[in-house]
């Protein structure tokens, strides 16, 4: 993972879906298989960082990142 190799210690992630934020931060259960895989990966990686936060931002501030995520998961 490039972030780990770069020595990143604190990760602050922003997302525009409150449901996804809640699922990844373990405040809500995953009911979708694909989402469950993403959450499992976060759990495996979170001990590699001193801090990991996922915060909700409005969609208008996240359009470019949303498009990149769709391409990557496509």
C-alpha atoms as a PDB file:
ATOM      1  CA  UNK A   1       0.000   0.000   0.000  1.00  0.00           C
ATOM      2  CA  UNK A   2       1.620   3.274  -1.113  1.00  0.00           C
ATOM      3  CA  UNK A   3       0.433   5.322   1.889  1.00  0.00           C
ATOM      4  CA  UNK A   4       2.071   2.914   4.307  1.00  0.00           C
ATOM      5  CA  UNK A   5       5.265   2.893   2.238  1.00  0.00           C
ATOM      6  CA  UNK A   6       5.278   6.702   2.303  1.00  0.00           C
ATOM      7  CA  UNK A   7       5.130   6.659   6.092  1.00  0.00           C
ATOM      8  CA  UNK A   8       1.656   8.177   6.448  1.00  0.00           C
ATOM      9  CA  UNK A   9       0.581   7.809  10.080  1.00  0.00           C
ATOM     10  CA  UNK A  10      -2.807   9.543  10.176  1.00  0.00           C
ATOM     11  CA  UNK A  11      -5.457   9.114   7.517  1.00  0.00           C
ATOM     12  CA  UNK A  12      -8.395  11.529   7.220  1.00  0.00           C
ATOM     13  CA  UNK A  13     -10.790  10.316   4.540  1.00  0.00           C
ATOM     14  CA  UNK A  14     -13.785  12.282   3.291  1.00  0.00           C
ATOM     15  CA  UNK A  15     -16.863  10.707   1.753  1.00  0.00           C
ATOM     16  CA  UNK A  16     -20.244  11.971   0.623  1.00  0.00           C
ATOM     17  CA  UNK A  17     -22.363   9.032   1.812  1.00  0.00           C
ATOM     18  CA  UNK A  18     -23.376   9.052   5.465  1.00  0.00           C
ATOM     19  CA  UNK A  19     -24.242   5.342   5.232  1.00  0.00           C
ATOM     20  CA  UNK A  20     -20.782   4.438   3.897  1.00  0.00           C
ATOM     21  CA  UNK A  21     -19.115   6.611   6.549  1.00  0.00           C
ATOM     22  CA  UNK A  22     -21.156   4.910   9.275  1.00  0.00           C
ATOM     23  CA  UNK A  23     -20.438   1.416   7.931  1.00  0.00           C
ATOM     24  CA  UNK A  24     -16.693   1.947   7.615  1.00  0.00           C
ATOM     25  CA  UNK A  25     -16.484   3.586  11.047  1.00  0.00           C
ATOM     26  CA  UNK A  26     -18.443   0.601  12.477  1.00  0.00           C
ATOM     27  CA  UNK A  27     -21.436   2.696  13.480  1.00  0.00           C
ATOM     28  CA  UNK A  28     -23.741   0.749  11.148  1.00  0.00           C
ATOM     29  CA  UNK A  29     -23.838  -2.830   9.855  1.00  0.00           C
ATOM     30  CA  UNK A  30     -22.945  -3.740   6.270  1.00  0.00           C
ATOM     31  CA  UNK A  31     -25.818  -5.412   4.442  1.00  0.00           C
ATOM     32  CA  UNK A  32     -24.200  -5.499   1.009  1.00  0.00           C
ATOM     33  CA  UNK A  33     -21.469  -8.039   0.134  1.00  0.00           C
ATOM     34  CA  UNK A  34     -19.380  -5.500  -1.791  1.00  0.00           C
ATOM     35  CA  UNK A  35     -19.521  -3.010   1.074  1.00  0.00           C
ATOM     36  CA  UNK A  36     -18.657  -5.739   3.560  1.00  0.00           C
ATOM     37  CA  UNK A  37     -15.462  -6.434   1.592  1.00  0.00           C
ATOM     38  CA  UNK A  38     -14.487  -2.739   1.712  1.00  0.00           C
ATOM     39  CA  UNK A  39     -15.146  -2.580   5.464  1.00  0.00           C
ATOM     40  CA  UNK A  40     -13.092  -5.735   6.040  1.00  0.00           C
ATOM     41  CA  UNK A  41     -10.171  -4.205   4.148  1.00  0.00           C
ATOM     42  CA  UNK A  42     -10.348  -1.061   6.279  1.00  0.00           C
ATOM     43  CA  UNK A  43     -10.292  -3.214   9.427  1.00  0.00           C
ATOM     44  CA  UNK A  44      -7.179  -5.025   8.190  1.00  0.00           C
ATOM     45  CA  UNK A  45      -5.394  -1.764   7.395  1.00  0.00           C
ATOM     46  CA  UNK A  46      -6.422   0.452  10.294  1.00  0.00           C
ATOM     47  CA  UNK A  47      -3.758  -0.905  12.649  1.00  0.00           C
ATOM     48  CA  UNK A  48      -1.111   0.296  10.171  1.00  0.00           C
ATOM     49  CA  UNK A  49      -2.006   3.913  11.038  1.00  0.00           C
ATOM     50  CA  UNK A  50      -1.961   5.881  14.290  1.00  0.00           C
ATOM     51  CA  UNK A  51      -5.292   7.396  13.349  1.00  0.00           C
ATOM     52  CA  UNK A  52      -7.945   6.757  10.743  1.00  0.00           C
ATOM     53  CA  UNK A  53     -11.000   8.965  10.349  1.00  0.00           C
ATOM     54  CA  UNK A  54     -13.746   8.976   7.775  1.00  0.00           C
ATOM     55  CA  UNK A  55     -15.909  12.097   7.698  1.00  0.00           C
ATOM     56  CA  UNK A  56     -18.927  13.053   5.613  1.00  0.00           C
ATOM     57  CA  UNK A  57     -18.773  16.006   3.250  1.00  0.00           C
ATOM     58  CA  UNK A  58     -21.458  17.213   0.851  1.00  0.00           C
ATOM     59  CA  UNK A  59     -21.544  15.607  -2.575  1.00  0.00           C
ATOM     60  CA  UNK A  60     -20.787  18.866  -4.409  1.00  0.00           C
ATOM     61  CA  UNK A  61     -17.340  18.884  -2.765  1.00  0.00           C
ATOM     62  CA  UNK A  62     -16.675  15.265  -3.661  1.00  0.00           C
ATOM     63  CA  UNK A  63     -17.699  14.901  -7.325  1.00  0.00           C
ATOM     64  CA  UNK A  64     -14.216  14.284  -8.757  1.00  0.00           C
ATOM     65  CA  UNK A  65     -13.298  11.739  -6.088  1.00  0.00           C
ATOM     66  CA  UNK A  66     -16.665  10.021  -6.568  1.00  0.00           C
ATOM     67  CA  UNK A  67     -15.999   9.584 -10.298  1.00  0.00           C
ATOM     68  CA  UNK A  68     -12.526   8.138  -9.623  1.00  0.00           C
ATOM     69  CA  UNK A  69     -13.957   5.702  -7.072  1.00  0.00           C
ATOM     70  CA  UNK A  70     -16.589   4.512  -9.577  1.00  0.00           C
ATOM     71  CA  UNK A  71     -13.888   3.894 -12.178  1.00  0.00           C
ATOM     72  CA  UNK A  72     -11.675   2.043  -9.698  1.00  0.00           C
ATOM     73  CA  UNK A  73     -14.425  -0.226  -8.399  1.00  0.00           C
ATOM     74  CA  UNK A  74     -15.977  -0.773 -11.849  1.00  0.00           C
END
